[in-house]
Amino acid sequence: MDTITNQILKTACGGTILVSKKEREHLNAHNEIIDILPEVVKKIVLPFDTERLQLQVDLGKTVGRSSLLETVQIEANTPCWFAKRRERLGPSRVITDINPAETSVISIIANAITSDRYELVSAWYGEMAPKEPWDPILADDPPAFKESINFWCSHALVHDSEVMDEPFETTWDEIINKGEGGIIQ
């Protein structure tokens, strides 16, 4: 049984990234990613001038499987499959008939505590992705919303019944316009 409550990881530049007990529990959804985080963080050089760190680290070897996959481009009004992930405000576009893809990339988001100390917000296998179109933060940022809808009309997550509800069919337009998680237009 894991008795570590908080974990402090050292970066390549001598800074630190704190992984809280709460974040360690959140990372359980990403199969064994917590075990590879020390290797990932050792490759990071902190920017020292930003409140939020968002980056991808390529370890040059297969380290896991990414559930974020590129798909055929759809329109916002094209019916497709969605499912709500645990602890998310709105549903994600999903693919139900394919497996995750092997990846050498891990993405990390961390918030600054000081210029050389950050707290991990999330980490996952695979590349960075913009917030989903239903995210309320996007309501006041039309360029970010456009980036989000364009991305999520050409990408989806592999459905995982262990961390997602049952899939249902709808459109991005219906989710956004009905406020299924944030934005009500």
N, C-alpha and C. Protein backbone atom coordinates (compact mmCIF):
# COMPACT_ATOMS: atom_id res chain seq x y z
N MET A 1 0.83 -1.19 0.00
CA MET A 1 0.00 0.00 0.00
C MET A 1 0.87 1.25 0.00
N ASP A 2 0.54 2.22 -0.82
CA ASP A 2 1.29 3.46 -0.95
C ASP A 2 1.04 4.36 0.25
N THR A 3 2.10 4.67 1.02
CA THR A 3 1.93 5.50 2.20
C THR A 3 2.40 6.93 1.97
N ILE A 4 2.92 7.25 0.83
CA ILE A 4 3.38 8.60 0.53
C ILE A 4 2.18 9.52 0.40
N THR A 5 2.22 10.66 1.10
CA THR A 5 1.11 11.60 0.98
C THR A 5 1.42 12.64 -0.09
N ASN A 6 2.53 13.35 0.05
CA ASN A 6 2.96 14.30 -0.97
C ASN A 6 4.30 13.83 -1.51
N GLN A 7 4.54 14.10 -2.78
CA GLN A 7 5.79 13.69 -3.41
C GLN A 7 6.41 14.93 -4.02
N ILE A 8 7.70 15.14 -3.80
CA ILE A 8 8.40 16.28 -4.38
C ILE A 8 9.37 15.74 -5.41
N LEU A 9 9.20 16.18 -6.66
CA LEU A 9 10.04 15.72 -7.76
C LEU A 9 10.97 16.84 -8.21
N LYS A 10 12.22 16.51 -8.48
CA LYS A 10 13.23 17.48 -8.89
C LYS A 10 13.26 17.62 -10.41
N THR A 11 13.33 18.87 -10.88
CA THR A 11 13.43 19.16 -12.31
C THR A 11 14.90 19.22 -12.73
N ALA A 12 15.14 19.32 -14.04
CA ALA A 12 16.50 19.39 -14.58
C ALA A 12 17.23 20.65 -14.12
N CYS A 13 16.48 21.70 -13.78
CA CYS A 13 17.10 22.98 -13.41
C CYS A 13 17.18 23.17 -11.89
N GLY A 14 16.86 22.13 -11.13
CA GLY A 14 16.94 22.23 -9.68
C GLY A 14 15.65 22.70 -9.02
N GLY A 15 14.62 22.95 -9.79
CA GLY A 15 13.33 23.32 -9.24
C GLY A 15 12.59 22.08 -8.78
N THR A 16 11.37 22.27 -8.30
CA THR A 16 10.59 21.14 -7.83
C THR A 16 9.16 21.22 -8.33
N ILE A 17 8.57 20.04 -8.47
CA ILE A 17 7.14 19.91 -8.75
C ILE A 17 6.56 19.04 -7.66
N LEU A 18 5.61 19.60 -6.94
CA LEU A 18 4.94 18.91 -5.85
C LEU A 18 3.76 18.13 -6.41
N VAL A 19 3.68 16.86 -6.03
CA VAL A 19 2.54 16.02 -6.39
C VAL A 19 1.80 15.74 -5.09
N SER A 20 0.65 16.39 -4.92
CA SER A 20 -0.12 16.26 -3.68
C SER A 20 -0.78 14.89 -3.60
N LYS A 21 -1.21 14.54 -2.40
CA LYS A 21 -1.93 13.28 -2.19
C LYS A 21 -3.18 13.25 -3.07
N LYS A 22 -3.90 14.38 -3.13
CA LYS A 22 -5.11 14.47 -3.95
C LYS A 22 -4.79 14.23 -5.43
N GLU A 23 -3.71 14.82 -5.91
CA GLU A 23 -3.33 14.65 -7.32
C GLU A 23 -2.88 13.22 -7.58
N ARG A 24 -2.19 12.61 -6.64
CA ARG A 24 -1.78 11.21 -6.80
C ARG A 24 -3.00 10.33 -6.98
N GLU A 25 -4.07 10.60 -6.21
CA GLU A 25 -5.31 9.83 -6.35
C GLU A 25 -5.94 10.08 -7.72
N HIS A 26 -5.92 11.34 -8.18
CA HIS A 26 -6.46 11.69 -9.50
C HIS A 26 -5.69 10.94 -10.60
N LEU A 27 -4.39 10.82 -10.44
CA LEU A 27 -3.56 10.17 -11.46
C LEU A 27 -3.76 8.67 -11.54
N ASN A 28 -4.45 8.08 -10.58
CA ASN A 28 -4.75 6.65 -10.65
C ASN A 28 -5.54 6.30 -11.91
N ALA A 29 -6.24 7.27 -12.48
CA ALA A 29 -7.00 7.02 -13.71
C ALA A 29 -6.08 6.83 -14.91
N HIS A 30 -4.81 7.24 -14.77
CA HIS A 30 -3.84 7.13 -15.87
C HIS A 30 -2.84 6.04 -15.51
N ASN A 31 -3.17 4.85 -15.87
CA ASN A 31 -2.45 3.62 -15.54
C ASN A 31 -0.94 3.80 -15.36
N GLU A 32 -0.49 3.73 -14.12
CA GLU A 32 0.92 3.72 -13.74
C GLU A 32 1.70 4.98 -14.12
N ILE A 33 1.03 6.08 -14.45
CA ILE A 33 1.76 7.30 -14.82
C ILE A 33 2.54 7.86 -13.63
N ILE A 34 2.04 7.65 -12.43
CA ILE A 34 2.72 8.15 -11.24
C ILE A 34 4.13 7.57 -11.13
N ASP A 35 4.31 6.34 -11.60
CA ASP A 35 5.62 5.69 -11.52
C ASP A 35 6.65 6.28 -12.48
N ILE A 36 6.19 6.86 -13.57
CA ILE A 36 7.11 7.41 -14.56
C ILE A 36 7.32 8.92 -14.41
N LEU A 37 6.52 9.56 -13.55
CA LEU A 37 6.64 11.02 -13.38
C LEU A 37 8.04 11.48 -12.97
N PRO A 38 8.75 10.79 -12.07
CA PRO A 38 10.11 11.27 -11.74
C PRO A 38 11.01 11.38 -12.97
N GLU A 39 10.94 10.42 -13.87
CA GLU A 39 11.74 10.47 -15.10
C GLU A 39 11.31 11.63 -15.99
N VAL A 40 10.03 11.89 -16.05
CA VAL A 40 9.50 12.99 -16.86
C VAL A 40 9.96 14.32 -16.29
N VAL A 41 9.77 14.52 -15.00
CA VAL A 41 10.09 15.80 -14.36
C VAL A 41 11.59 16.10 -14.44
N LYS A 42 12.45 15.07 -14.41
CA LYS A 42 13.90 15.28 -14.53
C LYS A 42 14.29 15.93 -15.86
N LYS A 43 13.41 15.87 -16.85
CA LYS A 43 13.69 16.46 -18.16
C LYS A 43 13.15 17.89 -18.30
N ILE A 44 12.46 18.38 -17.29
CA ILE A 44 11.82 19.69 -17.36
C ILE A 44 12.75 20.79 -16.85
N VAL A 45 12.82 21.86 -17.64
CA VAL A 45 13.48 23.09 -17.21
C VAL A 45 12.36 24.10 -16.99
N LEU A 46 12.20 24.52 -15.74
CA LEU A 46 11.10 25.43 -15.42
C LEU A 46 11.29 26.78 -16.10
N PRO A 47 10.20 27.40 -16.51
CA PRO A 47 10.29 28.70 -17.20
C PRO A 47 10.60 29.85 -16.25
N PHE A 48 10.34 29.71 -14.98
CA PHE A 48 10.62 30.71 -13.95
C PHE A 48 9.87 32.03 -14.13
N ASP A 49 9.00 32.15 -15.11
CA ASP A 49 8.32 33.43 -15.32
C ASP A 49 6.86 33.25 -15.73
N THR A 50 6.29 32.14 -15.36
CA THR A 50 4.91 31.88 -15.73
C THR A 50 4.16 31.30 -14.54
N GLU A 51 2.88 31.59 -14.49
CA GLU A 51 2.06 31.06 -13.41
C GLU A 51 1.64 29.62 -13.67
N ARG A 52 1.63 29.23 -14.95
CA ARG A 52 1.16 27.89 -15.30
C ARG A 52 2.13 27.26 -16.30
N LEU A 53 2.50 26.03 -15.99
CA LEU A 53 3.38 25.25 -16.85
C LEU A 53 2.50 24.26 -17.60
N GLN A 54 2.59 24.26 -18.94
CA GLN A 54 1.87 23.29 -19.77
C GLN A 54 2.85 22.81 -20.82
N LEU A 55 3.21 21.54 -20.75
CA LEU A 55 4.17 21.05 -21.73
C LEU A 55 4.04 19.56 -21.95
N GLN A 56 4.64 19.12 -23.02
CA GLN A 56 4.71 17.71 -23.38
C GLN A 56 6.17 17.29 -23.26
N VAL A 57 6.39 16.11 -22.72
CA VAL A 57 7.74 15.55 -22.62
C VAL A 57 7.75 14.24 -23.40
N ASP A 58 8.64 14.16 -24.38
CA ASP A 58 8.79 12.93 -25.16
C ASP A 58 9.96 12.15 -24.57
N LEU A 59 9.66 10.97 -24.05
CA LEU A 59 10.70 10.15 -23.43
C LEU A 59 11.45 9.28 -24.42
N GLY A 60 11.06 9.33 -25.70
CA GLY A 60 11.78 8.59 -26.72
C GLY A 60 11.59 7.09 -26.69
N LYS A 61 10.63 6.63 -25.91
CA LYS A 61 10.31 5.21 -25.82
C LYS A 61 8.83 5.10 -25.47
N THR A 62 8.23 4.00 -25.79
CA THR A 62 6.83 3.81 -25.45
C THR A 62 6.70 3.74 -23.93
N VAL A 63 5.82 4.61 -23.39
CA VAL A 63 5.64 4.66 -21.94
C VAL A 63 4.20 4.37 -21.52
N GLY A 64 3.30 4.38 -22.47
CA GLY A 64 1.90 4.15 -22.14
C GLY A 64 1.04 4.22 -23.37
N ARG A 65 -0.26 4.33 -23.13
CA ARG A 65 -1.22 4.38 -24.23
C ARG A 65 -2.06 5.64 -24.08
N SER A 66 -2.18 6.37 -25.17
CA SER A 66 -2.96 7.60 -25.18
C SER A 66 -4.37 7.32 -25.68
N SER A 67 -5.35 7.82 -24.95
CA SER A 67 -6.74 7.64 -25.38
C SER A 67 -7.20 8.79 -26.27
N LEU A 68 -6.38 9.83 -26.43
CA LEU A 68 -6.72 10.93 -27.33
C LEU A 68 -6.25 10.58 -28.74
N LEU A 69 -7.23 10.46 -29.65
CA LEU A 69 -6.91 10.07 -31.02
C LEU A 69 -7.48 11.06 -32.03
N GLU A 70 -6.74 11.21 -33.12
CA GLU A 70 -7.24 12.02 -34.23
C GLU A 70 -8.34 11.23 -34.94
N THR A 71 -9.38 11.94 -35.37
CA THR A 71 -10.51 11.29 -36.03
C THR A 71 -10.80 11.99 -37.35
N VAL A 72 -11.75 11.45 -38.06
CA VAL A 72 -12.27 12.12 -39.25
C VAL A 72 -12.89 13.43 -38.80
N GLN A 73 -12.63 14.49 -39.52
CA GLN A 73 -13.18 15.81 -39.20
C GLN A 73 -14.71 15.79 -39.30
N ILE A 74 -15.37 16.31 -38.27
CA ILE A 74 -16.82 16.45 -38.29
C ILE A 74 -17.17 17.93 -38.13
N GLU A 75 -18.44 18.25 -38.28
CA GLU A 75 -18.93 19.59 -38.01
C GLU A 75 -19.53 19.59 -36.60
N ALA A 76 -19.73 20.75 -36.03
CA ALA A 76 -20.30 20.85 -34.68
C ALA A 76 -21.72 20.29 -34.62
N ASN A 77 -22.39 20.21 -35.77
CA ASN A 77 -23.75 19.68 -35.80
C ASN A 77 -23.82 18.23 -36.27
N THR A 78 -22.68 17.55 -36.38
CA THR A 78 -22.63 16.15 -36.79
C THR A 78 -22.86 15.25 -35.58
N PRO A 79 -23.86 14.37 -35.64
CA PRO A 79 -24.07 13.44 -34.51
C PRO A 79 -22.87 12.50 -34.35
N CYS A 80 -22.47 12.31 -33.12
CA CYS A 80 -21.39 11.38 -32.80
C CYS A 80 -21.55 10.96 -31.34
N TRP A 81 -20.62 10.12 -30.86
CA TRP A 81 -20.72 9.57 -29.51
C TRP A 81 -20.03 10.46 -28.50
N PHE A 82 -20.66 10.55 -27.31
CA PHE A 82 -20.12 11.30 -26.19
C PHE A 82 -20.29 10.46 -24.93
N ALA A 83 -19.46 10.74 -23.93
CA ALA A 83 -19.61 10.10 -22.61
C ALA A 83 -19.02 11.05 -21.58
N LYS A 84 -19.61 11.05 -20.42
CA LYS A 84 -19.12 11.91 -19.36
C LYS A 84 -18.08 11.17 -18.54
N ARG A 85 -16.90 11.79 -18.40
CA ARG A 85 -15.84 11.24 -17.56
C ARG A 85 -16.09 11.61 -16.10
N ARG A 86 -15.60 10.79 -15.20
CA ARG A 86 -15.74 11.09 -13.78
C ARG A 86 -15.13 12.46 -13.48
N GLU A 87 -15.81 13.19 -12.62
CA GLU A 87 -15.34 14.48 -12.12
C GLU A 87 -15.14 15.51 -13.23
N ARG A 88 -15.94 15.45 -14.27
CA ARG A 88 -15.93 16.45 -15.33
C ARG A 88 -17.30 17.10 -15.40
N LEU A 89 -17.35 18.36 -15.77
CA LEU A 89 -18.61 19.09 -15.85
C LEU A 89 -19.44 18.68 -17.06
N GLY A 90 -18.77 18.33 -18.15
CA GLY A 90 -19.49 18.01 -19.37
C GLY A 90 -18.93 16.76 -20.03
N PRO A 91 -19.63 16.30 -21.07
CA PRO A 91 -19.20 15.07 -21.75
C PRO A 91 -18.06 15.31 -22.74
N SER A 92 -17.35 14.23 -23.03
CA SER A 92 -16.27 14.24 -24.01
C SER A 92 -16.71 13.47 -25.24
N ARG A 93 -16.20 13.89 -26.39
CA ARG A 93 -16.43 13.11 -27.61
C ARG A 93 -15.62 11.82 -27.47
N VAL A 94 -16.26 10.68 -27.79
CA VAL A 94 -15.58 9.40 -27.63
C VAL A 94 -15.68 8.54 -28.89
N ILE A 95 -14.75 7.59 -28.96
CA ILE A 95 -14.74 6.55 -29.98
C ILE A 95 -14.94 5.25 -29.23
N THR A 96 -15.85 4.42 -29.71
CA THR A 96 -16.18 3.20 -28.98
C THR A 96 -15.59 1.93 -29.58
N ASP A 97 -15.01 2.02 -30.76
CA ASP A 97 -14.59 0.80 -31.45
C ASP A 97 -13.10 0.75 -31.78
N ILE A 98 -12.28 1.38 -30.95
CA ILE A 98 -10.84 1.40 -31.20
C ILE A 98 -10.11 1.41 -29.86
N ASN A 99 -8.86 0.98 -29.86
CA ASN A 99 -8.05 0.95 -28.64
C ASN A 99 -7.14 2.16 -28.59
N PRO A 100 -6.68 2.52 -27.38
CA PRO A 100 -5.70 3.61 -27.26
C PRO A 100 -4.43 3.29 -28.04
N ALA A 101 -3.71 4.36 -28.41
CA ALA A 101 -2.48 4.21 -29.20
C ALA A 101 -1.25 4.34 -28.30
N GLU A 102 -0.23 3.55 -28.59
CA GLU A 102 1.01 3.65 -27.85
C GLU A 102 1.60 5.05 -28.02
N THR A 103 2.23 5.56 -26.97
CA THR A 103 2.82 6.89 -27.03
C THR A 103 4.11 6.95 -26.22
N SER A 104 4.98 7.86 -26.61
CA SER A 104 6.21 8.14 -25.87
C SER A 104 6.10 9.49 -25.16
N VAL A 105 4.94 10.14 -25.29
CA VAL A 105 4.73 11.50 -24.78
C VAL A 105 3.88 11.49 -23.51
N ILE A 106 4.29 12.31 -22.57
CA ILE A 106 3.48 12.59 -21.39
C ILE A 106 3.29 14.10 -21.32
N SER A 107 2.04 14.52 -21.11
CA SER A 107 1.72 15.93 -20.96
C SER A 107 1.55 16.25 -19.49
N ILE A 108 1.99 17.45 -19.13
CA ILE A 108 1.95 17.89 -17.74
C ILE A 108 1.41 19.31 -17.66
N ILE A 109 0.57 19.54 -16.65
CA ILE A 109 0.13 20.88 -16.30
C ILE A 109 0.44 21.07 -14.82
N ALA A 110 1.08 22.20 -14.49
CA ALA A 110 1.41 22.51 -13.10
C ALA A 110 1.26 24.00 -12.88
N ASN A 111 0.86 24.38 -11.68
CA ASN A 111 0.72 25.78 -11.31
C ASN A 111 1.89 26.21 -10.44
N ALA A 112 2.36 27.44 -10.65
CA ALA A 112 3.48 27.97 -9.88
C ALA A 112 3.07 28.23 -8.43
N ILE A 113 3.93 27.85 -7.52
CA ILE A 113 3.81 28.22 -6.11
C ILE A 113 4.80 29.37 -5.89
N THR A 114 6.03 29.17 -6.38
CA THR A 114 7.05 30.21 -6.45
C THR A 114 7.70 30.06 -7.82
N SER A 115 8.73 30.85 -8.10
CA SER A 115 9.35 30.79 -9.43
C SER A 115 10.03 29.46 -9.72
N ASP A 116 10.43 28.71 -8.68
CA ASP A 116 11.10 27.44 -8.91
C ASP A 116 10.39 26.26 -8.26
N ARG A 117 9.13 26.47 -7.88
CA ARG A 117 8.36 25.41 -7.23
C ARG A 117 6.94 25.43 -7.81
N TYR A 118 6.53 24.29 -8.33
CA TYR A 118 5.22 24.17 -8.96
C TYR A 118 4.45 23.04 -8.30
N GLU A 119 3.13 23.09 -8.43
CA GLU A 119 2.27 22.01 -7.95
C GLU A 119 1.59 21.37 -9.15
N LEU A 120 1.70 20.07 -9.28
CA LEU A 120 1.12 19.35 -10.41
C LEU A 120 -0.40 19.47 -10.38
N VAL A 121 -0.97 19.80 -11.54
CA VAL A 121 -2.42 19.86 -11.71
C VAL A 121 -2.90 18.57 -12.36
N SER A 122 -2.17 18.13 -13.40
CA SER A 122 -2.53 16.89 -14.08
C SER A 122 -1.38 16.41 -14.94
N ALA A 123 -1.43 15.15 -15.27
CA ALA A 123 -0.48 14.54 -16.20
C ALA A 123 -1.20 13.38 -16.87
N TRP A 124 -0.89 13.16 -18.14
CA TRP A 124 -1.52 12.06 -18.86
C TRP A 124 -0.63 11.61 -20.00
N TYR A 125 -0.92 10.40 -20.49
CA TYR A 125 -0.20 9.86 -21.64
C TYR A 125 -0.73 10.53 -22.89
N GLY A 126 0.18 11.01 -23.73
CA GLY A 126 -0.21 11.60 -25.00
C GLY A 126 -0.07 13.11 -25.00
N GLU A 127 -0.50 13.67 -26.11
CA GLU A 127 -0.29 15.09 -26.37
C GLU A 127 -1.28 15.99 -25.64
N MET A 128 -0.91 17.28 -25.59
CA MET A 128 -1.76 18.31 -25.02
C MET A 128 -3.02 18.45 -25.87
N ALA A 129 -4.07 18.91 -25.23
CA ALA A 129 -5.33 19.17 -25.92
C ALA A 129 -5.95 20.41 -25.30
N PRO A 130 -6.67 21.19 -26.10
CA PRO A 130 -7.35 22.36 -25.52
C PRO A 130 -8.53 21.92 -24.66
N LYS A 131 -9.01 22.83 -23.85
CA LYS A 131 -10.21 22.56 -23.05
C LYS A 131 -11.33 22.14 -23.99
N GLU A 132 -12.30 21.40 -23.45
CA GLU A 132 -13.42 20.95 -24.27
C GLU A 132 -14.40 22.11 -24.47
N PRO A 133 -15.14 22.12 -25.58
CA PRO A 133 -15.98 23.27 -25.94
C PRO A 133 -17.01 23.67 -24.89
N TRP A 134 -17.42 22.78 -24.02
CA TRP A 134 -18.39 23.11 -22.98
C TRP A 134 -17.80 23.84 -21.79
N ASP A 135 -16.48 23.93 -21.69
CA ASP A 135 -15.84 24.53 -20.53
C ASP A 135 -16.25 25.99 -20.36
N PRO A 136 -16.76 26.37 -19.19
CA PRO A 136 -17.26 27.74 -18.98
C PRO A 136 -16.19 28.81 -19.18
N ILE A 137 -14.93 28.48 -19.01
CA ILE A 137 -13.85 29.44 -19.21
C ILE A 137 -13.83 29.94 -20.65
N LEU A 138 -14.27 29.11 -21.59
CA LEU A 138 -14.23 29.47 -23.01
C LEU A 138 -15.32 30.46 -23.41
N ALA A 139 -16.33 30.63 -22.56
CA ALA A 139 -17.46 31.50 -22.90
C ALA A 139 -17.02 32.94 -23.16
N ASP A 140 -15.98 33.39 -22.49
CA ASP A 140 -15.50 34.77 -22.64
C ASP A 140 -14.24 34.87 -23.49
N ASP A 141 -13.92 33.81 -24.23
CA ASP A 141 -12.69 33.79 -25.03
C ASP A 141 -12.98 33.17 -26.39
N PRO A 142 -13.60 33.95 -27.32
CA PRO A 142 -13.96 33.39 -28.63
C PRO A 142 -12.82 32.71 -29.38
N PRO A 143 -11.59 33.24 -29.41
CA PRO A 143 -10.51 32.52 -30.11
C PRO A 143 -10.21 31.16 -29.48
N ALA A 144 -10.21 31.08 -28.15
CA ALA A 144 -9.95 29.79 -27.49
C ALA A 144 -11.10 28.83 -27.75
N PHE A 145 -12.35 29.33 -27.76
CA PHE A 145 -13.49 28.48 -28.06
C PHE A 145 -13.37 27.92 -29.48
N LYS A 146 -13.00 28.77 -30.43
CA LYS A 146 -12.86 28.31 -31.83
C LYS A 146 -11.77 27.24 -31.94
N GLU A 147 -10.64 27.46 -31.25
CA GLU A 147 -9.57 26.46 -31.25
C GLU A 147 -10.09 25.15 -30.66
N SER A 148 -10.84 25.24 -29.57
CA SER A 148 -11.37 24.06 -28.90
C SER A 148 -12.33 23.28 -29.79
N ILE A 149 -13.31 23.95 -30.36
CA ILE A 149 -14.31 23.24 -31.18
C ILE A 149 -13.65 22.64 -32.42
N ASN A 150 -12.70 23.36 -33.02
CA ASN A 150 -11.99 22.80 -34.18
C ASN A 150 -11.21 21.55 -33.81
N PHE A 151 -10.53 21.60 -32.67
CA PHE A 151 -9.75 20.45 -32.22
C PHE A 151 -10.65 19.26 -31.93
N TRP A 152 -11.70 19.48 -31.14
CA TRP A 152 -12.55 18.37 -30.70
C TRP A 152 -13.48 17.86 -31.79
N CYS A 153 -13.56 18.59 -32.91
CA CYS A 153 -14.29 18.05 -34.08
C CYS A 153 -13.38 17.16 -34.92
N SER A 154 -12.09 17.10 -34.57
CA SER A 154 -11.19 16.20 -35.29
C SER A 154 -10.42 15.27 -34.35
N HIS A 155 -10.84 15.24 -33.08
CA HIS A 155 -10.23 14.36 -32.08
C HIS A 155 -11.31 13.81 -31.17
N ALA A 156 -11.02 12.68 -30.55
CA ALA A 156 -11.93 12.08 -29.58
C ALA A 156 -11.11 11.23 -28.63
N LEU A 157 -11.73 10.87 -27.52
CA LEU A 157 -11.12 9.97 -26.55
C LEU A 157 -11.65 8.56 -26.76
N VAL A 158 -10.81 7.59 -26.53
CA VAL A 158 -11.25 6.20 -26.57
C VAL A 158 -12.15 5.99 -25.34
N HIS A 159 -13.34 5.45 -25.57
CA HIS A 159 -14.25 5.23 -24.45
C HIS A 159 -13.68 4.20 -23.50
N ASP A 160 -13.72 4.53 -22.21
CA ASP A 160 -13.22 3.64 -21.16
C ASP A 160 -14.30 3.54 -20.09
N SER A 161 -14.96 2.41 -20.02
CA SER A 161 -16.07 2.24 -19.09
C SER A 161 -15.64 2.31 -17.62
N GLU A 162 -14.34 2.19 -17.35
CA GLU A 162 -13.87 2.29 -15.97
C GLU A 162 -13.87 3.73 -15.47
N VAL A 163 -13.76 4.70 -16.37
CA VAL A 163 -13.71 6.11 -15.95
C VAL A 163 -14.76 6.98 -16.64
N MET A 164 -15.65 6.36 -17.43
CA MET A 164 -16.67 7.10 -18.17
C MET A 164 -18.03 6.43 -18.03
N ASP A 165 -19.07 7.27 -18.12
CA ASP A 165 -20.43 6.75 -18.18
C ASP A 165 -20.67 6.10 -19.54
N GLU A 166 -21.85 5.53 -19.72
CA GLU A 166 -22.22 4.92 -20.99
C GLU A 166 -22.26 5.99 -22.10
N PRO A 167 -21.80 5.64 -23.30
CA PRO A 167 -21.84 6.60 -24.42
C PRO A 167 -23.28 6.90 -24.85
N PHE A 168 -23.47 8.10 -25.36
CA PHE A 168 -24.75 8.51 -25.92
C PHE A 168 -24.47 9.35 -27.15
N GLU A 169 -25.45 9.41 -28.04
CA GLU A 169 -25.27 10.13 -29.31
C GLU A 169 -25.89 11.52 -29.22
N THR A 170 -25.13 12.52 -29.64
CA THR A 170 -25.59 13.90 -29.72
C THR A 170 -24.59 14.68 -30.59
N THR A 171 -24.64 16.00 -30.53
CA THR A 171 -23.71 16.84 -31.30
C THR A 171 -23.05 17.83 -30.35
N TRP A 172 -21.93 18.40 -30.79
CA TRP A 172 -21.30 19.46 -30.00
C TRP A 172 -22.26 20.64 -29.87
N ASP A 173 -22.96 20.98 -30.94
CA ASP A 173 -23.91 22.10 -30.87
C ASP A 173 -24.94 21.89 -29.76
N GLU A 174 -25.50 20.68 -29.68
CA GLU A 174 -26.50 20.40 -28.64
C GLU A 174 -25.90 20.50 -27.25
N ILE A 175 -24.70 19.99 -27.07
CA ILE A 175 -24.04 20.04 -25.76
C ILE A 175 -23.77 21.50 -25.37
N ILE A 176 -23.26 22.27 -26.28
CA ILE A 176 -22.92 23.67 -25.98
C ILE A 176 -24.19 24.50 -25.76
N ASN A 177 -25.17 24.35 -26.63
CA ASN A 177 -26.37 25.18 -26.56
C ASN A 177 -27.29 24.82 -25.40
N LYS A 178 -27.24 23.58 -24.95
CA LYS A 178 -28.08 23.17 -23.82
C LYS A 178 -27.35 23.32 -22.51
N GLY A 179 -26.09 23.76 -22.58
CA GLY A 179 -25.35 23.97 -21.35
C GLY A 179 -25.01 22.69 -20.63
N GLU A 180 -24.70 21.61 -21.38
CA GLU A 180 -24.42 20.29 -20.79
C GLU A 180 -23.11 20.29 -20.00
N GLY A 181 -22.70 21.36 -19.47
CA GLY A 181 -21.47 21.34 -18.72
C GLY A 181 -20.89 22.71 -18.53
N GLY A 182 -21.42 23.70 -19.17
CA GLY A 182 -20.83 25.00 -18.94
C GLY A 182 -21.42 26.08 -19.80
N ILE A 183 -21.09 26.09 -21.04
CA ILE A 183 -21.48 27.19 -21.91
C ILE A 183 -22.95 27.10 -22.28
N ILE A 184 -23.65 28.18 -22.10
CA ILE A 184 -25.03 28.27 -22.59
C ILE A 184 -25.04 29.47 -23.53
N GLN A 185 -25.23 29.23 -24.79
CA GLN A 185 -25.16 30.29 -25.79
C GLN A 185 -26.51 30.92 -26.03
